Amino acid sequence: MMKRRTLLLSGMTTTVLAGLSGCASPTVDDYASQKPVLDLRTYFNGMVDAWGIFTDSNGKVVKRFTVEMKCQWQHDQGILDEDFVYSDGTKEKRVWKLTDKGNGAYVGTAGDVVGMAEGQTKGNAFNWRYTLALPVDGTVLNVQMDDWMYLMNDRVMLNKARMTKLGIHLGDVTLSFTKRA
């Protein structure tokens, strides 16, 4: 009877630990061997178009949008000039100023980003974390963005960003980028 209890508890402990390890957030190291290898300076150079949605925490599509990006690099400095058009007709502009720090590390700023964005590429993935000053109903909320990009081929990249405030999931942004030929 004691041996059976020990085996049962051992099995439960293994199951709980396996479940907890499944909750761990991914890191760019998880994608280090994935191909094609993402080079931000190559992909975000020239014109890039994107189509996206914002979904609330329940998965309901709240906004649809398109983005036209004019991208250029000089040495280790990049500019991503983004023009957004939302499904309700509103428009928005964001200009990212990026710096390639070497070894796949990037930092960046934009007018609606609080402080400095920091990111890392490995393999086909880029993880970018920053605080975004988001206007909502006449006020501005500082929300945290955990932004992931995955290069699919030389022209297509997929992007999913998780938005939180004080650790509470507010929603997700999902985008498909296509680099113009």
Protein backbone atom coordinates (compact mmCIF):
# COMPACT_ATOMS: atom_id res chain seq x y z
CA MET A 1 0.00 0.00 0.00
CA MET A 2 2.81 2.43 0.91
CA LYS A 3 4.66 1.63 -2.33
CA ARG A 4 1.48 2.34 -4.35
CA ARG A 5 1.03 5.73 -2.59
CA THR A 6 4.66 6.65 -3.29
CA LEU A 7 4.27 5.78 -6.97
CA LEU A 8 0.98 7.73 -7.15
CA LEU A 9 2.52 10.81 -5.50
CA SER A 10 5.59 10.51 -7.70
CA GLY A 11 3.38 10.44 -10.79
CA MET A 12 1.35 13.43 -9.58
CA THR A 13 4.52 15.42 -8.88
CA THR A 14 5.83 14.67 -12.38
CA THR A 15 2.50 15.73 -13.91
CA VAL A 16 2.39 18.99 -11.91
CA LEU A 17 6.00 19.84 -12.78
CA ALA A 18 5.40 19.09 -16.47
CA GLY A 19 2.33 21.32 -16.38
CA LEU A 20 4.23 24.14 -14.73
CA SER A 21 7.08 23.93 -17.23
CA GLY A 22 4.47 24.33 -19.97
CA CYS A 23 3.57 27.72 -18.47
CA ALA A 24 7.07 29.13 -18.93
CA SER A 25 7.28 31.94 -21.46
CA PRO A 26 9.27 31.32 -24.62
CA THR A 27 12.63 32.99 -25.13
CA VAL A 28 14.40 33.82 -28.38
CA ASP A 29 16.83 30.99 -27.56
CA ASP A 30 13.95 28.59 -28.27
CA TYR A 31 14.14 29.68 -31.94
CA ALA A 32 17.93 29.87 -32.38
CA SER A 33 18.05 26.94 -34.82
CA GLN A 34 14.97 27.98 -36.84
CA LYS A 35 15.31 29.01 -40.47
CA PRO A 36 15.22 31.30 -42.33
CA VAL A 37 17.43 33.47 -40.13
CA LEU A 38 15.91 36.90 -39.46
CA ASP A 39 18.11 39.92 -40.08
CA LEU A 40 16.04 43.00 -39.16
CA ARG A 41 18.32 45.28 -41.18
CA THR A 42 17.66 43.27 -44.34
CA TYR A 43 13.95 42.61 -43.83
CA PHE A 44 13.05 46.14 -42.70
CA ASN A 45 14.83 47.88 -45.57
CA GLY A 46 12.59 49.26 -48.31
CA MET A 47 8.81 49.10 -48.38
CA VAL A 48 6.85 46.68 -46.18
CA ASP A 49 3.06 46.30 -46.03
CA ALA A 50 1.16 44.83 -43.09
CA TRP A 51 -2.39 43.75 -42.28
CA GLY A 52 -3.47 43.35 -38.69
CA ILE A 53 -6.11 43.00 -36.03
CA PHE A 54 -6.41 43.91 -32.38
CA THR A 55 -8.33 41.37 -30.30
CA ASP A 56 -9.54 41.94 -26.74
CA SER A 57 -8.70 39.54 -23.91
CA ASN A 58 -11.64 37.30 -24.96
CA GLY A 59 -10.36 37.05 -28.55
CA LYS A 60 -12.98 39.34 -30.12
CA VAL A 61 -11.67 41.46 -33.01
CA VAL A 62 -11.95 45.08 -31.88
CA LYS A 63 -10.00 46.79 -34.69
CA ARG A 64 -8.65 45.92 -38.11
CA PHE A 65 -5.89 47.92 -39.77
CA THR A 66 -3.28 48.16 -42.51
CA VAL A 67 0.24 49.56 -42.24
CA GLU A 68 2.56 50.91 -44.90
CA MET A 69 6.17 51.03 -43.74
CA LYS A 70 9.04 52.94 -45.29
CA CYS A 71 12.21 51.43 -43.84
CA GLN A 72 15.85 52.42 -44.19
CA TRP A 73 19.18 51.82 -42.49
CA GLN A 74 22.41 53.78 -42.36
CA HIS A 75 25.14 51.78 -40.69
CA ASP A 76 23.64 50.59 -37.36
CA GLN A 77 20.76 53.12 -37.31
CA GLY A 78 17.34 52.29 -38.76
CA ILE A 79 14.13 54.22 -39.33
CA LEU A 80 10.78 52.42 -39.64
CA ASP A 81 8.23 55.03 -40.73
CA GLU A 82 4.79 53.43 -40.23
CA ASP A 83 1.45 54.78 -41.53
CA PHE A 84 -1.60 53.02 -40.01
CA VAL A 85 -5.12 53.12 -41.47
CA TYR A 86 -7.83 51.60 -39.25
CA SER A 87 -11.09 50.03 -40.41
CA ASP A 88 -13.03 52.99 -38.94
CA GLY A 89 -11.04 55.38 -41.20
CA THR A 90 -8.77 56.81 -38.50
CA LYS A 91 -5.07 57.18 -39.25
CA GLU A 92 -1.98 57.03 -37.09
CA LYS A 93 1.76 57.43 -37.63
CA ARG A 94 4.60 55.84 -35.69
CA VAL A 95 8.27 56.35 -36.49
CA TRP A 96 10.63 53.85 -34.91
CA LYS A 97 14.30 54.78 -34.54
CA LEU A 98 16.27 51.59 -34.09
CA THR A 99 19.88 50.88 -33.17
CA ASP A 100 21.57 47.58 -33.93
CA LYS A 101 23.69 46.87 -30.82
CA GLY A 102 25.28 43.75 -32.36
CA ASN A 103 24.78 40.04 -31.65
CA GLY A 104 21.09 40.30 -32.54
CA ALA A 105 20.34 42.96 -29.87
CA TYR A 106 18.32 46.05 -30.80
CA VAL A 107 17.03 49.11 -28.95
CA GLY A 108 14.50 51.59 -30.22
CA THR A 109 12.34 54.59 -29.55
CA ALA A 110 9.12 55.98 -31.00
CA GLY A 111 6.94 58.96 -30.11
CA ASP A 112 4.36 56.84 -28.28
CA VAL A 113 6.85 54.47 -26.63
CA VAL A 114 7.71 55.24 -23.00
CA GLY A 115 11.45 54.92 -22.49
CA MET A 116 13.45 52.48 -24.58
CA ALA A 117 12.25 49.35 -26.38
CA GLU A 118 14.64 46.40 -26.18
CA GLY A 119 14.73 43.39 -28.44
CA GLN A 120 16.71 40.34 -29.47
CA THR A 121 16.80 38.19 -32.61
CA LYS A 122 17.79 34.53 -32.81
CA GLY A 123 17.04 32.18 -35.64
CA ASN A 124 13.82 33.27 -37.34
CA ALA A 125 12.42 35.14 -34.31
CA PHE A 126 12.56 38.63 -32.82
CA ASN A 127 11.21 39.45 -29.35
CA TRP A 128 10.64 43.12 -28.62
CA ARG A 129 9.45 44.47 -25.24
CA TYR A 130 8.34 48.02 -24.56
CA THR A 131 5.80 50.26 -22.86
CA LEU A 132 3.31 51.90 -25.21
CA ALA A 133 1.39 55.10 -24.34
CA LEU A 134 -2.03 54.05 -25.66
CA PRO A 135 -4.87 56.59 -25.96
CA VAL A 136 -8.15 55.04 -24.74
CA ASP A 137 -11.40 56.98 -24.31
CA GLY A 138 -9.75 60.37 -23.73
CA THR A 139 -7.00 59.10 -21.42
CA VAL A 140 -3.57 57.56 -22.01
CA LEU A 141 -2.72 54.13 -20.58
CA ASN A 142 0.86 52.93 -20.37
CA VAL A 143 0.62 49.29 -21.45
CA GLN A 144 3.35 46.68 -21.70
CA MET A 145 3.93 45.00 -25.06
CA ASP A 146 5.55 41.60 -25.45
CA ASP A 147 6.00 41.62 -29.22
CA TRP A 148 7.10 38.54 -31.22
CA MET A 149 7.96 38.42 -34.92
CA TYR A 150 8.64 35.23 -36.92
CA LEU A 151 10.22 35.28 -40.38
CA MET A 152 8.42 32.79 -42.64
CA ASN A 153 10.39 33.42 -45.84
CA ASP A 154 12.30 36.33 -47.40
CA ARG A 155 9.08 38.35 -47.91
CA VAL A 156 6.59 37.25 -45.20
CA MET A 157 6.83 37.75 -41.44
CA LEU A 158 4.13 37.06 -38.83
CA ASN A 159 3.80 39.15 -35.67
CA LYS A 160 1.90 38.64 -32.41
CA ALA A 161 2.09 41.08 -29.52
CA ARG A 162 0.56 40.54 -26.09
CA MET A 163 -0.67 43.69 -24.33
CA THR A 164 -0.85 43.84 -20.52
CA LYS A 165 -1.39 46.44 -17.80
CA LEU A 166 -0.27 45.60 -14.25
CA GLY A 167 0.06 41.97 -15.36
CA ILE A 168 -3.55 41.80 -16.64
CA HIS A 169 -3.96 40.62 -20.23
CA LEU A 170 -5.77 43.34 -22.21
CA GLY A 171 -5.53 41.88 -25.69
CA ASP A 172 -3.33 40.93 -28.61
CA VAL A 173 -2.14 42.50 -31.84
CA THR A 174 -1.67 40.11 -34.76
CA LEU A 175 0.01 41.20 -38.01
CA SER A 176 1.15 39.75 -41.29
CA PHE A 177 4.04 41.66 -42.95
CA THR A 178 4.90 41.40 -46.64
CA LYS A 179 8.10 42.94 -47.98
CA ARG A 180 7.60 44.47 -51.39
CA ALA A 181 9.63 42.88 -54.18
